[in-house]
PDB file of all heavy atoms in Angstrom:
ATOM      1  N   VAL A   1      10.382  46.111-101.512  1.00  0.00           N
ATOM      2  CA  VAL A   1       9.658  47.374-101.152  1.00  0.00           C
ATOM      3  C   VAL A   1      10.171  48.508-101.966  1.00  0.00           C
ATOM      4  O   VAL A   1      11.332  48.506-102.398  1.00  0.00           O
ATOM      5  CB  VAL A   1       9.724  47.661 -99.661  1.00  0.00           C
ATOM      6  CG1 VAL A   1       9.023  46.602 -98.857  1.00  0.00           C
ATOM      7  CG2 VAL A   1      11.142  47.852 -99.200  1.00  0.00           C
ATOM      8  N   MET A   2       9.360  49.538-102.149  1.00  0.00           N
ATOM      9  CA  MET A   2       9.703  50.647-102.958  1.00  0.00           C
ATOM     10  C   MET A   2      10.152  51.838-102.116  1.00  0.00           C
ATOM     11  O   MET A   2       9.824  51.909-100.956  1.00  0.00           O
ATOM     12  CB  MET A   2       8.517  51.100-103.842  1.00  0.00           C
ATOM     13  CG  MET A   2       8.077  50.096-104.878  1.00  0.00           C
ATOM     14  SD  MET A   2       6.800  50.764-105.931  1.00  0.00           S
ATOM     15  CE  MET A   2       6.462  49.320-106.978  1.00  0.00           C
ATOM     16  N   THR A   3      10.895  52.752-102.771  1.00  0.00           N
ATOM     17  CA  THR A   3      11.192  54.037-102.083  1.00  0.00           C
ATOM     18  C   THR A   3       9.910  54.822-102.013  1.00  0.00           C
ATOM     19  O   THR A   3       8.941  54.622-102.760  1.00  0.00           O
ATOM     20  CB  THR A   3      12.245  54.802-102.881  1.00  0.00           C
ATOM     21  OG1 THR A   3      11.708  55.143-104.173  1.00  0.00           O
ATOM     22  CG2 THR A   3      13.469  54.012-103.093  1.00  0.00           C
ATOM     23  N   GLU A   4       9.883  55.775-101.105  1.00  0.00           N
ATOM     24  CA  GLU A   4       8.703  56.624-100.948  1.00  0.00           C
ATOM     25  C   GLU A   4       8.409  57.376-102.233  1.00  0.00           C
ATOM     26  O   GLU A   4       7.261  57.467-102.681  1.00  0.00           O
ATOM     27  CB  GLU A   4       8.895  57.575 -99.803  1.00  0.00           C
ATOM     28  CG  GLU A   4       7.737  58.507 -99.573  1.00  0.00           C
ATOM     29  CD  GLU A   4       8.003  59.477 -98.405  1.00  0.00           C
ATOM     30  OE1 GLU A   4       8.023  59.029 -97.279  1.00  0.00           O
ATOM     31  OE2 GLU A   4       8.216  60.678 -98.677  1.00  0.00           O
ATOM     32  N   GLN A   5       9.399  57.933-102.865  1.00  0.00           N
ATOM     33  CA  GLN A   5       9.210  58.664-104.096  1.00  0.00           C
ATOM     34  C   GLN A   5       8.637  57.847-105.207  1.00  0.00           C
ATOM     35  O   GLN A   5       7.656  58.254-105.870  1.00  0.00           O
ATOM     36  CB  GLN A   5      10.533  59.277-104.531  1.00  0.00           C
ATOM     37  CG  GLN A   5      10.382  60.145-105.799  1.00  0.00           C
ATOM     38  CD  GLN A   5      11.706  60.604-106.355  1.00  0.00           C
ATOM     39  OE1 GLN A   5      12.740  60.458-105.691  1.00  0.00           O
ATOM     40  NE2 GLN A   5      11.731  61.231-107.530  1.00  0.00           N
ATOM     41  N   ARG A   6       9.166  56.628-105.396  1.00  0.00           N
ATOM     42  CA  ARG A   6       8.657  55.759-106.479  1.00  0.00           C
ATOM     43  C   ARG A   6       7.218  55.335-106.180  1.00  0.00           C
ATOM     44  O   ARG A   6       6.384  55.334-107.111  1.00  0.00           O
ATOM     45  CB  ARG A   6       9.565  54.535-106.591  1.00  0.00           C
ATOM     46  CG  ARG A   6       9.215  53.621-107.761  1.00  0.00           C
ATOM     47  CD  ARG A   6      10.039  52.349-107.735  1.00  0.00           C
ATOM     48  NE  ARG A   6       9.805  51.498-108.919  1.00  0.00           N
ATOM     49  CZ  ARG A   6      10.236  50.245-109.016  1.00  0.00           C
ATOM     50  NH1 ARG A   6      10.927  49.682-108.047  1.00  0.00           N
ATOM     51  NH2 ARG A   6       9.939  49.576-110.116  1.00  0.00           N
ATOM     52  N   ALA A   7       6.941  54.946-104.984  1.00  0.00           N
ATOM     53  CA  ALA A   7       5.600  54.498-104.630  1.00  0.00           C
ATOM     54  C   ALA A   7       4.593  55.604-104.851  1.00  0.00           C
ATOM     55  O   ALA A   7       3.524  55.406-105.412  1.00  0.00           O
ATOM     56  CB  ALA A   7       5.534  53.981-103.216  1.00  0.00           C
ATOM     57  N   CYS A   8       4.937  56.840-104.429  1.00  0.00           N
ATOM     58  CA  CYS A   8       4.000  57.995-104.606  1.00  0.00           C
ATOM     59  C   CYS A   8       3.878  58.337-106.033  1.00  0.00           C
ATOM     60  O   CYS A   8       2.830  58.720-106.496  1.00  0.00           O
ATOM     61  CB  CYS A   8       4.508  59.161-103.756  1.00  0.00           C
ATOM     62  SG  CYS A   8       4.380  58.964-101.986  1.00  0.00           S
ATOM     63  N   ARG A   9       4.972  58.187-106.831  1.00  0.00           N
ATOM     64  CA  ARG A   9       4.886  58.502-108.240  1.00  0.00           C
ATOM     65  C   ARG A   9       3.924  57.523-108.963  1.00  0.00           C
ATOM     66  O   ARG A   9       3.075  57.949-109.776  1.00  0.00           O
ATOM     67  CB  ARG A   9       6.232  58.421-108.895  1.00  0.00           C
ATOM     68  CG  ARG A   9       6.298  58.849-110.378  1.00  0.00           C
ATOM     69  CD  ARG A   9       7.696  58.983-110.890  1.00  0.00           C
ATOM     70  NE  ARG A   9       8.420  57.748-110.840  1.00  0.00           N
ATOM     71  CZ  ARG A   9       9.476  57.470-110.087  1.00  0.00           C
ATOM     72  NH1 ARG A   9       9.925  58.421-109.276  1.00  0.00           N
ATOM     73  NH2 ARG A   9      10.081  56.344-110.064  1.00  0.00           N
ATOM     74  N   LEU A  10       4.020  56.268-108.640  1.00  0.00           N
ATOM     75  CA  LEU A  10       3.125  55.295-109.295  1.00  0.00           C
ATOM     76  C   LEU A  10       1.717  55.491-108.849  1.00  0.00           C
ATOM     77  O   LEU A  10       0.762  55.428-109.671  1.00  0.00           O
ATOM     78  CB  LEU A  10       3.600  53.870-109.008  1.00  0.00           C
ATOM     79  CG  LEU A  10       4.955  53.447-109.565  1.00  0.00           C
ATOM     80  CD1 LEU A  10       5.280  52.036-109.153  1.00  0.00           C
ATOM     81  CD2 LEU A  10       4.976  53.602-111.075  1.00  0.00           C
ATOM     82  N   MET A  11       1.470  55.684-107.528  1.00  0.00           N
ATOM     83  CA  MET A  11       0.126  55.840-107.026  1.00  0.00           C
ATOM     84  C   MET A  11      -0.514  57.148-107.456  1.00  0.00           C
ATOM     85  O   MET A  11      -1.720  57.247-107.533  1.00  0.00           O
ATOM     86  CB  MET A  11       0.134  55.692-105.531  1.00  0.00           C
ATOM     87  CG  MET A  11       0.372  54.274-105.009  1.00  0.00           C
ATOM     88  SD  MET A  11      -0.732  53.010-105.727  1.00  0.00           S
ATOM     89  CE  MET A  11      -2.345  53.632-105.281  1.00  0.00           C
ATOM     90  N   SER A  12       0.285  58.185-107.694  1.00  0.00           N
ATOM     91  CA  SER A  12      -0.309  59.406-108.183  1.00  0.00           C
ATOM     92  C   SER A  12      -0.865  59.239-109.548  1.00  0.00           C
ATOM     93  O   SER A  12      -1.916  59.782-109.912  1.00  0.00           O
ATOM     94  CB  SER A  12       0.755  60.528-108.173  1.00  0.00           C
ATOM     95  OG  SER A  12       1.798  60.273-109.092  1.00  0.00           O
ATOM     96  N   GLN A  13      -0.224  58.356-110.377  1.00  0.00           N
ATOM     97  CA  GLN A  13      -0.783  58.040-111.704  1.00  0.00           C
ATOM     98  C   GLN A  13      -2.042  57.238-111.549  1.00  0.00           C
ATOM     99  O   GLN A  13      -3.020  57.472-112.333  1.00  0.00           O
ATOM    100  CB  GLN A  13       0.240  57.268-112.488  1.00  0.00           C
ATOM    101  CG  GLN A  13       1.519  58.043-112.827  1.00  0.00           C
ATOM    102  CD  GLN A  13       2.495  57.200-113.673  1.00  0.00           C
ATOM    103  OE1 GLN A  13       2.145  56.536-114.644  1.00  0.00           O
ATOM    104  NE2 GLN A  13       3.764  57.246-113.289  1.00  0.00           N
ATOM    105  N   VAL A  14      -2.101  56.314-110.619  1.00  0.00           N
ATOM    106  CA  VAL A  14      -3.309  55.549-110.339  1.00  0.00           C
ATOM    107  C   VAL A  14      -4.480  56.488-110.018  1.00  0.00           C
ATOM    108  O   VAL A  14      -5.597  56.377-110.540  1.00  0.00           O
ATOM    109  CB  VAL A  14      -3.065  54.508-109.258  1.00  0.00           C
ATOM    110  CG1 VAL A  14      -4.378  53.831-108.870  1.00  0.00           C
ATOM    111  CG2 VAL A  14      -2.102  53.408-109.720  1.00  0.00           C
ATOM    112  N   CYS A  15      -4.194  57.388-109.084  1.00  0.00           N
ATOM    113  CA  CYS A  15      -5.236  58.323-108.624  1.00  0.00           C
ATOM    114  C   CYS A  15      -5.667  59.255-109.740  1.00  0.00           C
ATOM    115  O   CYS A  15      -6.828  59.674-109.777  1.00  0.00           O
ATOM    116  CB  CYS A  15      -4.736  59.091-107.439  1.00  0.00           C
ATOM    117  SG  CYS A  15      -4.561  58.092-105.930  1.00  0.00           S
ATOM    118  N   ALA A  16      -4.747  59.603-110.667  1.00  0.00           N
ATOM    119  CA  ALA A  16      -5.095  60.456-111.781  1.00  0.00           C
ATOM    120  C   ALA A  16      -6.116  59.778-112.686  1.00  0.00           C
ATOM    121  O   ALA A  16      -7.080  60.371-113.152  1.00  0.00           O
ATOM    122  CB  ALA A  16      -3.864  60.851-112.564  1.00  0.00           C
ATOM    123  N   ALA A  17      -5.886  58.477-112.968  1.00  0.00           N
ATOM    124  CA  ALA A  17      -6.826  57.718-113.775  1.00  0.00           C
ATOM    125  C   ALA A  17      -8.160  57.560-113.039  1.00  0.00           C
ATOM    126  O   ALA A  17      -9.237  57.689-113.668  1.00  0.00           O
ATOM    127  CB  ALA A  17      -6.266  56.359-114.076  1.00  0.00           C
ATOM    128  N   LEU A  18      -8.150  57.326-111.738  1.00  0.00           N
ATOM    129  CA  LEU A  18      -9.394  57.151-110.964  1.00  0.00           C
ATOM    130  C   LEU A  18     -10.124  58.516-110.927  1.00  0.00           C
ATOM    131  O   LEU A  18     -11.357  58.549-110.909  1.00  0.00           O
ATOM    132  CB  LEU A  18      -9.062  56.706-109.584  1.00  0.00           C
ATOM    133  CG  LEU A  18      -8.690  55.239-109.449  1.00  0.00           C
ATOM    134  CD1 LEU A  18      -8.306  54.913-107.951  1.00  0.00           C
ATOM    135  CD2 LEU A  18      -9.787  54.331-109.889  1.00  0.00           C
ATOM    136  N   ALA A  19      -9.389  59.636-110.910  1.00  0.00           N
ATOM    137  CA  ALA A  19     -10.069  60.926-110.917  1.00  0.00           C
ATOM    138  C   ALA A  19     -10.894  61.098-112.180  1.00  0.00           C
ATOM    139  O   ALA A  19     -12.033  61.569-112.136  1.00  0.00           O
ATOM    140  CB  ALA A  19      -9.013  62.068-110.844  1.00  0.00           C
ATOM    141  N   ALA A  20     -10.347  60.659-113.348  1.00  0.00           N
ATOM    142  CA  ALA A  20     -11.082  60.737-114.560  1.00  0.00           C
ATOM    143  C   ALA A  20     -12.327  59.797-114.534  1.00  0.00           C
ATOM    144  O   ALA A  20     -13.389  60.139-115.017  1.00  0.00           O
ATOM    145  CB  ALA A  20     -10.248  60.360-115.772  1.00  0.00           C
ATOM    146  N   ALA A  21     -12.142  58.577-113.933  1.00  0.00           N
ATOM    147  CA  ALA A  21     -13.265  57.665-113.832  1.00  0.00           C
ATOM    148  C   ALA A  21     -14.310  58.232-112.904  1.00  0.00           C
ATOM    149  O   ALA A  21     -15.539  58.203-113.201  1.00  0.00           O
ATOM    150  CB  ALA A  21     -12.741  56.298-113.285  1.00  0.00           C
ATOM    151  N   HIS A  22     -13.908  58.766-111.755  1.00  0.00           N
ATOM    152  CA  HIS A  22     -14.890  59.376-110.810  1.00  0.00           C
ATOM    153  C   HIS A  22     -15.631  60.549-111.452  1.00  0.00           C
ATOM    154  O   HIS A  22     -16.846  60.718-111.152  1.00  0.00           O
ATOM    155  CB  HIS A  22     -14.172  59.776-109.533  1.00  0.00           C
ATOM    156  CG  HIS A  22     -13.595  58.625-108.813  1.00  0.00           C
ATOM    157  ND1 HIS A  22     -12.570  58.761-107.807  1.00  0.00           N
ATOM    158  CD2 HIS A  22     -13.827  57.287-108.860  1.00  0.00           C
ATOM    159  CE1 HIS A  22     -12.234  57.582-107.375  1.00  0.00           C
ATOM    160  NE2 HIS A  22     -12.980  56.646-107.959  1.00  0.00           N
ATOM    161  N   ASP A  23     -14.925  61.343-112.245  1.00  0.00           N
ATOM    162  CA  ASP A  23     -15.590  62.467-112.886  1.00  0.00           C
ATOM    163  C   ASP A  23     -16.688  61.964-113.819  1.00  0.00           C
ATOM    164  O   ASP A  23     -17.642  62.713-114.112  1.00  0.00           O
ATOM    165  CB  ASP A  23     -14.594  63.288-113.702  1.00  0.00           C
ATOM    166  CG  ASP A  23     -13.681  64.081-112.805  1.00  0.00           C
ATOM    167  OD1 ASP A  23     -13.976  64.221-111.609  1.00  0.00           O
ATOM    168  OD2 ASP A  23     -12.633  64.562-113.316  1.00  0.00           O
ATOM    169  N   ASN A  24     -16.548  60.755-114.329  1.00  0.00           N
ATOM    170  CA  ASN A  24     -17.526  60.187-115.298  1.00  0.00           C
ATOM    171  C   ASN A  24     -18.520  59.223-114.591  1.00  0.00           C
ATOM    172  O   ASN A  24     -19.125  58.434-115.264  1.00  0.00           O
ATOM    173  CB  ASN A  24     -16.821  59.476-116.441  1.00  0.00           C
ATOM    174  CG  ASN A  24     -16.213  60.437-117.424  1.00  0.00           C
ATOM    175  OD1 ASN A  24     -16.869  60.860-118.387  1.00  0.00           O
ATOM    176  ND2 ASN A  24     -14.977  60.814-117.187  1.00  0.00           N
ATOM    177  N   GLY A  25     -18.569  59.261-113.267  1.00  0.00           N
ATOM    178  CA  GLY A  25     -19.519  58.495-112.525  1.00  0.00           C
ATOM    179  C   GLY A  25     -19.172  57.008-112.461  1.00  0.00           C
ATOM    180  O   GLY A  25     -20.081  56.169-112.395  1.00  0.00           O
ATOM    181  N   ILE A  26     -17.904  56.662-112.483  1.00  0.00           N
ATOM    182  CA  ILE A  26     -17.482  55.263-112.444  1.00  0.00           C
ATOM    183  C   ILE A  26     -16.705  55.020-111.144  1.00  0.00           C
ATOM    184  O   ILE A  26     -15.743  55.738-110.844  1.00  0.00           O
ATOM    185  CB  ILE A  26     -16.597  54.904-113.669  1.00  0.00           C
ATOM    186  CG1 ILE A  26     -17.362  55.111-114.959  1.00  0.00           C
ATOM    187  CG2 ILE A  26     -16.093  53.478-113.556  1.00  0.00           C
ATOM    188  CD1 ILE A  26     -16.514  55.056-116.204  1.00  0.00           C
ATOM    189  N   VAL A  27     -17.098  54.012-110.403  1.00  0.00           N
ATOM    190  CA  VAL A  27     -16.374  53.553-109.198  1.00  0.00           C
ATOM    191  C   VAL A  27     -15.815  52.168-109.548  1.00  0.00           C
ATOM    192  O   VAL A  27     -16.555  51.228-109.926  1.00  0.00           O
ATOM    193  CB  VAL A  27     -17.294  53.486-107.985  1.00  0.00           C
ATOM    194  CG1 VAL A  27     -16.501  53.032-106.751  1.00  0.00           C
ATOM    195  CG2 VAL A  27     -18.009  54.783-107.763  1.00  0.00           C
ATOM    196  N   HIS A  28     -14.495  52.025-109.442  1.00  0.00           N
ATOM    197  CA  HIS A  28     -13.855  50.797-109.854  1.00  0.00           C
ATOM    198  C   HIS A  28     -14.283  49.597-108.969  1.00  0.00           C
ATOM    199  O   HIS A  28     -14.620  48.507-109.441  1.00  0.00           O
ATOM    200  CB  HIS A  28     -12.345  50.938-109.839  1.00  0.00           C
ATOM    201  CG  HIS A  28     -11.602  49.802-110.487  1.00  0.00           C
ATOM    202  ND1 HIS A  28     -11.437  48.572-109.901  1.00  0.00           N
ATOM    203  CD2 HIS A  28     -10.948  49.762-111.677  1.00  0.00           C
ATOM    204  CE1 HIS A  28     -10.746  47.785-110.696  1.00  0.00           C
ATOM    205  NE2 HIS A  28     -10.441  48.499-111.796  1.00  0.00           N
ATOM    206  N   ARG A  29     -14.197  49.792-107.659  1.00  0.00           N
ATOM    207  CA  ARG A  29     -14.643  48.762-106.627  1.00  0.00           C
ATOM    208  C   ARG A  29     -13.686  47.557-106.491  1.00  0.00           C
ATOM    209  O   ARG A  29     -13.996  46.681-105.649  1.00  0.00           O
ATOM    210  CB  ARG A  29     -16.073  48.331-106.849  1.00  0.00           C
ATOM    211  CG  ARG A  29     -17.077  49.418-106.742  1.00  0.00           C
ATOM    212  CD  ARG A  29     -18.454  48.866-106.470  1.00  0.00           C
ATOM    213  NE  ARG A  29     -18.938  47.996-107.525  1.00  0.00           N
ATOM    214  CZ  ARG A  29     -20.131  47.417-107.489  1.00  0.00           C
ATOM    215  NH1 ARG A  29     -20.924  47.548-106.477  1.00  0.00           N
ATOM    216  NH2 ARG A  29     -20.507  46.602-108.491  1.00  0.00           N
ATOM    217  N   ASP A  30     -12.668  47.447-107.307  1.00  0.00           N
ATOM    218  CA  ASP A  30     -11.745  46.289-107.119  1.00  0.00           C
ATOM    219  C   ASP A  30     -10.304  46.762-107.376  1.00  0.00           C
ATOM    220  O   ASP A  30      -9.540  46.063-108.035  1.00  0.00           O
ATOM    221  CB  ASP A  30     -12.153  45.152-108.051  1.00  0.00           C
ATOM    222  CG  ASP A  30     -11.470  43.859-107.640  1.00  0.00           C
ATOM    223  OD1 ASP A  30     -11.074  43.719-106.480  1.00  0.00           O
ATOM    224  OD2 ASP A  30     -11.335  42.949-108.540  1.00  0.00           O
TER     225      ASP A  30
END
């Protein structure tokens, strides 16, 4: 398992990429 800081750091990067996808009308769905 990860520390809270590490997990949030990685998932914030995931959400940043999804933000760009959502801005362009793309839903990953998987």
